[in-house]
């Protein structure tokens, strides 16, 4: 993930101090971000795995009951085929 950071060295150092501490990264070049409710996110994750769709890291915020999915960027065309 540090490859997309404005300062990759600082990003890696930040993660080395505490890998669970958040670090803001720009999206769109290597991955996109989709945040949704926990319930919908779990179903989405299951469907992506079953259909062998592009899937990057997945984050879960239990307190906010939300899930963030980080699909590879430019995977929109593959997802649009599911809507048909």
C-alpha atoms as a PDB file:
ATOM      1  CA  UNK A   1       0.000   0.000   0.000  1.00  0.00           C
ATOM      2  CA  UNK A   2       2.878   2.389   0.609  1.00  0.00           C
ATOM      3  CA  UNK A   3       3.421   2.525  -3.171  1.00  0.00           C
ATOM      4  CA  UNK A   4       0.471   4.935  -3.504  1.00  0.00           C
ATOM      5  CA  UNK A   5       1.469   7.190  -0.597  1.00  0.00           C
ATOM      6  CA  UNK A   6       2.806  10.671  -1.279  1.00  0.00           C
ATOM      7  CA  UNK A   7       5.779   9.728   0.924  1.00  0.00           C
ATOM      8  CA  UNK A   8       6.220   5.911   0.799  1.00  0.00           C
ATOM      9  CA  UNK A   9       9.096   5.931   3.316  1.00  0.00           C
ATOM     10  CA  UNK A  10       7.026   7.836   5.885  1.00  0.00           C
ATOM     11  CA  UNK A  11       4.059   5.544   5.229  1.00  0.00           C
ATOM     12  CA  UNK A  12       6.137   2.414   5.910  1.00  0.00           C
ATOM     13  CA  UNK A  13       7.632   3.971   9.059  1.00  0.00           C
ATOM     14  CA  UNK A  14       4.122   4.874  10.249  1.00  0.00           C
ATOM     15  CA  UNK A  15       3.014   1.263   9.765  1.00  0.00           C
ATOM     16  CA  UNK A  16       6.116  -0.086  11.492  1.00  0.00           C
ATOM     17  CA  UNK A  17       5.272   1.926  14.628  1.00  0.00           C
ATOM     18  CA  UNK A  18       1.722   0.541  14.838  1.00  0.00           C
ATOM     19  CA  UNK A  19       0.285  -1.413  11.874  1.00  0.00           C
ATOM     20  CA  UNK A  20      -3.275  -0.865  13.150  1.00  0.00           C
ATOM     21  CA  UNK A  21      -3.001   2.942  13.171  1.00  0.00           C
ATOM     22  CA  UNK A  22      -4.814   4.495  10.194  1.00  0.00           C
ATOM     23  CA  UNK A  23      -2.885   6.226   7.434  1.00  0.00           C
ATOM     24  CA  UNK A  24      -4.702   8.174   4.700  1.00  0.00           C
ATOM     25  CA  UNK A  25      -3.838   7.096   1.158  1.00  0.00           C
ATOM     26  CA  UNK A  26      -4.982   8.528  -2.180  1.00  0.00           C
ATOM     27  CA  UNK A  27      -7.322   6.262  -4.099  1.00  0.00           C
ATOM     28  CA  UNK A  28      -7.863   5.663  -7.786  1.00  0.00           C
ATOM     29  CA  UNK A  29      -4.390   4.742  -8.984  1.00  0.00           C
ATOM     30  CA  UNK A  30      -3.982   1.244  -7.489  1.00  0.00           C
ATOM     31  CA  UNK A  31      -7.264   0.753  -5.642  1.00  0.00           C
ATOM     32  CA  UNK A  32     -10.690   2.257  -5.060  1.00  0.00           C
ATOM     33  CA  UNK A  33     -12.662   2.321  -1.810  1.00  0.00           C
ATOM     34  CA  UNK A  34     -16.237   1.217  -1.239  1.00  0.00           C
ATOM     35  CA  UNK A  35     -17.632   1.734   2.288  1.00  0.00           C
ATOM     36  CA  UNK A  36     -20.984   0.291   3.249  1.00  0.00           C
ATOM     37  CA  UNK A  37     -22.969  -1.011   6.195  1.00  0.00           C
ATOM     38  CA  UNK A  38     -21.605  -4.122   7.866  1.00  0.00           C
ATOM     39  CA  UNK A  39     -24.555  -6.270   6.796  1.00  0.00           C
ATOM     40  CA  UNK A  40     -24.390  -5.233   3.143  1.00  0.00           C
ATOM     41  CA  UNK A  41     -20.579  -5.380   3.200  1.00  0.00           C
ATOM     42  CA  UNK A  42     -20.544  -8.991   4.427  1.00  0.00           C
ATOM     43  CA  UNK A  43     -22.965 -10.004   1.659  1.00  0.00           C
ATOM     44  CA  UNK A  44     -20.935  -8.078  -0.920  1.00  0.00           C
ATOM     45  CA  UNK A  45     -17.720  -9.738   0.237  1.00  0.00           C
ATOM     46  CA  UNK A  46     -19.345 -13.163  -0.011  1.00  0.00           C
ATOM     47  CA  UNK A  47     -20.632 -12.468  -3.531  1.00  0.00           C
ATOM     48  CA  UNK A  48     -17.254 -11.133  -4.708  1.00  0.00           C
ATOM     49  CA  UNK A  49     -15.491 -14.249  -3.443  1.00  0.00           C
ATOM     50  CA  UNK A  50     -18.095 -16.607  -4.967  1.00  0.00           C
ATOM     51  CA  UNK A  51     -17.912 -14.892  -8.361  1.00  0.00           C
ATOM     52  CA  UNK A  52     -14.109 -14.634  -8.259  1.00  0.00           C
ATOM     53  CA  UNK A  53     -14.323 -10.869  -8.717  1.00  0.00           C
ATOM     54  CA  UNK A  54     -11.443  -8.481  -8.041  1.00  0.00           C
ATOM     55  CA  UNK A  55     -11.009  -7.971  -4.326  1.00  0.00           C
ATOM     56  CA  UNK A  56      -8.323  -6.143  -2.405  1.00  0.00           C
ATOM     57  CA  UNK A  57      -8.019  -5.702   1.346  1.00  0.00           C
ATOM     58  CA  UNK A  58     -11.195  -5.510   3.420  1.00  0.00           C
ATOM     59  CA  UNK A  59     -11.523  -3.408   6.574  1.00  0.00           C
ATOM     60  CA  UNK A  60     -14.166  -3.766   9.241  1.00  0.00           C
ATOM     61  CA  UNK A  61     -15.135  -1.114  11.792  1.00  0.00           C
ATOM     62  CA  UNK A  62     -17.231  -2.958  14.354  1.00  0.00           C
ATOM     63  CA  UNK A  63     -18.036   0.163  16.355  1.00  0.00           C
ATOM     64  CA  UNK A  64     -19.415   2.004  13.296  1.00  0.00           C
ATOM     65  CA  UNK A  65     -20.765  -1.271  11.849  1.00  0.00           C
ATOM     66  CA  UNK A  66     -19.204  -0.514   8.461  1.00  0.00           C
ATOM     67  CA  UNK A  67     -17.020  -2.416   6.027  1.00  0.00           C
ATOM     68  CA  UNK A  68     -14.560  -0.948   3.564  1.00  0.00           C
ATOM     69  CA  UNK A  69     -13.613  -2.959   0.483  1.00  0.00           C
ATOM     70  CA  UNK A  70     -10.570  -1.896  -1.549  1.00  0.00           C
ATOM     71  CA  UNK A  71     -11.012  -3.364  -5.053  1.00  0.00           C
ATOM     72  CA  UNK A  72      -8.257  -2.859  -7.613  1.00  0.00           C
ATOM     73  CA  UNK A  73      -8.741   0.379  -9.548  1.00  0.00           C
ATOM     74  CA  UNK A  74     -10.120   0.162 -13.054  1.00  0.00           C
ATOM     75  CA  UNK A  75     -12.152  -2.933 -12.109  1.00  0.00           C
ATOM     76  CA  UNK A  76     -15.411  -1.026 -12.719  1.00  0.00           C
ATOM     77  CA  UNK A  77     -16.030  -2.698 -16.093  1.00  0.00           C
ATOM     78  CA  UNK A  78     -16.041  -6.144 -14.481  1.00  0.00           C
ATOM     79  CA  UNK A  79     -18.543  -4.963 -11.873  1.00  0.00           C
ATOM     80  CA  UNK A  80     -20.775  -3.299 -14.424  1.00  0.00           C
ATOM     81  CA  UNK A  81     -21.198  -6.669 -16.151  1.00  0.00           C
ATOM     82  CA  UNK A  82     -22.909  -7.974 -13.001  1.00  0.00           C
ATOM     83  CA  UNK A  83     -25.591  -5.299 -13.155  1.00  0.00           C
ATOM     84  CA  UNK A  84     -26.850  -6.514 -16.487  1.00  0.00           C
END
